[in-house]
């Protein structure tokens, strides 16, 4: 039996809805910085992240968040399925950041799935 089309939408709220999507999606449109714990596969550890979310991508059956990492001081890609715990707004301000004028998510749309993570070798 095929799932109804609404079950395939990211905002459908079904059991396959990735953790963090409910907070990340509105944070992008409201320019709100978010905080969350994130599991890094290469280091096999969970660390706290503070991110200005710019864009969501759906690639290879997974959602990815493109945003400015405050810890790294650079644009990073976060796989939503690796977010742990509560995803929260970092402040109560109406807007926390402005997306850079030169940011273009199309540069990430054509990458192979393995190129979304942090480099781990050749």
Protein backbone atom coordinates (compact mmCIF):
# COMPACT_ATOMS: atom_id res chain seq x y z
CA UNK A 1 0.00 0.00 0.00
CA UNK A 2 1.43 3.36 -1.00
CA UNK A 3 1.57 6.22 1.45
CA UNK A 4 -0.65 9.22 0.72
CA UNK A 5 1.18 12.16 -0.83
CA UNK A 6 0.85 14.21 2.37
CA UNK A 7 2.89 11.58 4.23
CA UNK A 8 5.83 12.33 1.93
CA UNK A 9 5.83 16.05 2.67
CA UNK A 10 8.42 17.22 5.22
CA UNK A 11 5.74 19.09 7.15
CA UNK A 12 3.42 16.08 7.36
CA UNK A 13 4.55 15.21 10.88
CA UNK A 14 4.60 11.43 10.36
CA UNK A 15 6.87 8.96 12.13
CA UNK A 16 9.66 9.49 9.58
CA UNK A 17 9.77 13.23 10.21
CA UNK A 18 13.42 14.02 11.01
CA UNK A 19 14.29 15.35 14.43
CA UNK A 20 14.88 19.09 14.33
CA UNK A 21 12.86 19.83 11.20
CA UNK A 22 10.01 21.44 13.15
CA UNK A 23 12.40 24.04 14.61
CA UNK A 24 14.92 24.39 11.74
CA UNK A 25 12.38 25.11 9.03
CA UNK A 26 10.75 28.16 10.70
CA UNK A 27 14.17 29.33 11.97
CA UNK A 28 15.34 29.69 8.37
CA UNK A 29 12.44 31.96 7.46
CA UNK A 30 12.59 33.93 10.73
CA UNK A 31 16.42 34.28 10.65
CA UNK A 32 16.69 32.69 14.10
CA UNK A 33 19.90 31.10 15.38
CA UNK A 34 19.32 27.58 16.71
CA UNK A 35 21.20 25.38 19.17
CA UNK A 36 21.30 21.61 19.30
CA UNK A 37 23.48 18.63 20.16
CA UNK A 38 24.96 16.92 17.11
CA UNK A 39 26.46 13.48 16.64
CA UNK A 40 29.66 13.55 14.57
CA UNK A 41 30.25 10.16 12.97
CA UNK A 42 33.97 10.65 12.29
CA UNK A 43 34.72 11.43 15.96
CA UNK A 44 31.95 9.21 17.34
CA UNK A 45 30.87 11.93 19.76
CA UNK A 46 28.07 14.36 20.47
CA UNK A 47 28.84 18.07 20.73
CA UNK A 48 26.79 21.24 21.17
CA UNK A 49 26.22 23.41 18.08
CA UNK A 50 25.01 26.97 17.52
CA UNK A 51 23.98 27.56 13.90
CA UNK A 52 22.47 30.31 11.75
CA UNK A 53 20.29 28.15 9.46
CA UNK A 54 20.26 29.22 5.80
CA UNK A 55 18.65 26.41 3.82
CA UNK A 56 17.28 22.85 3.96
CA UNK A 57 18.17 20.24 1.35
CA UNK A 58 16.59 16.84 0.78
CA UNK A 59 19.08 14.48 -0.83
CA UNK A 60 19.26 10.68 -0.93
CA UNK A 61 16.36 10.28 1.48
CA UNK A 62 17.90 12.60 4.10
CA UNK A 63 17.39 16.21 5.15
CA UNK A 64 20.46 18.44 5.47
CA UNK A 65 20.70 21.87 7.06
CA UNK A 66 23.08 24.40 5.50
CA UNK A 67 24.14 27.10 7.90
CA UNK A 68 26.84 29.15 9.56
CA UNK A 69 28.41 27.25 12.45
CA UNK A 70 29.37 29.58 15.30
CA UNK A 71 31.86 26.98 16.58
CA UNK A 72 33.69 26.69 13.24
CA UNK A 73 33.10 30.24 12.02
CA UNK A 74 32.14 28.88 8.60
CA UNK A 75 29.36 27.37 6.52
CA UNK A 76 28.69 23.75 7.49
CA UNK A 77 26.23 21.03 6.49
CA UNK A 78 24.31 19.18 9.21
CA UNK A 79 22.35 15.98 8.66
CA UNK A 80 19.11 16.33 10.59
CA UNK A 81 19.07 12.65 11.57
CA UNK A 82 22.26 13.29 13.59
CA UNK A 83 20.70 16.02 15.74
CA UNK A 84 20.19 14.90 19.33
CA UNK A 85 18.06 16.29 22.14
CA UNK A 86 16.17 19.54 22.00
CA UNK A 87 16.55 21.98 19.10
CA UNK A 88 15.98 25.49 20.45
CA UNK A 89 16.21 29.13 19.47
CA UNK A 90 19.40 30.73 20.80
CA UNK A 91 17.69 34.00 21.77
CA UNK A 92 14.32 35.66 22.16
CA UNK A 93 15.18 38.35 19.59
CA UNK A 94 12.89 38.64 16.58
CA UNK A 95 15.80 38.08 14.16
CA UNK A 96 19.33 36.90 15.02
CA UNK A 97 21.21 37.08 11.71
CA UNK A 98 21.09 38.09 8.05
CA UNK A 99 21.83 35.44 5.46
CA UNK A 100 24.89 36.47 3.37
CA UNK A 101 23.96 38.07 0.06
CA UNK A 102 26.28 35.72 -1.85
CA UNK A 103 24.88 32.49 -0.38
CA UNK A 104 23.62 30.15 -3.11
CA UNK A 105 22.19 26.76 -2.05
CA UNK A 106 22.41 25.51 -5.64
CA UNK A 107 26.14 24.98 -5.10
CA UNK A 108 25.17 22.17 -2.69
CA UNK A 109 22.21 20.73 -4.58
CA UNK A 110 24.28 18.71 -7.05
CA UNK A 111 26.79 17.21 -4.64
CA UNK A 112 26.99 13.48 -4.16
CA UNK A 113 25.65 12.25 -0.79
CA UNK A 114 29.14 11.51 0.55
CA UNK A 115 30.17 15.14 -0.05
CA UNK A 116 27.73 16.53 2.53
CA UNK A 117 29.72 15.43 5.57
CA UNK A 118 32.98 16.75 6.90
CA UNK A 119 36.08 15.53 5.02
CA UNK A 120 37.43 12.30 6.47
CA UNK A 121 40.05 11.36 3.88
CA UNK A 122 40.41 10.83 0.18
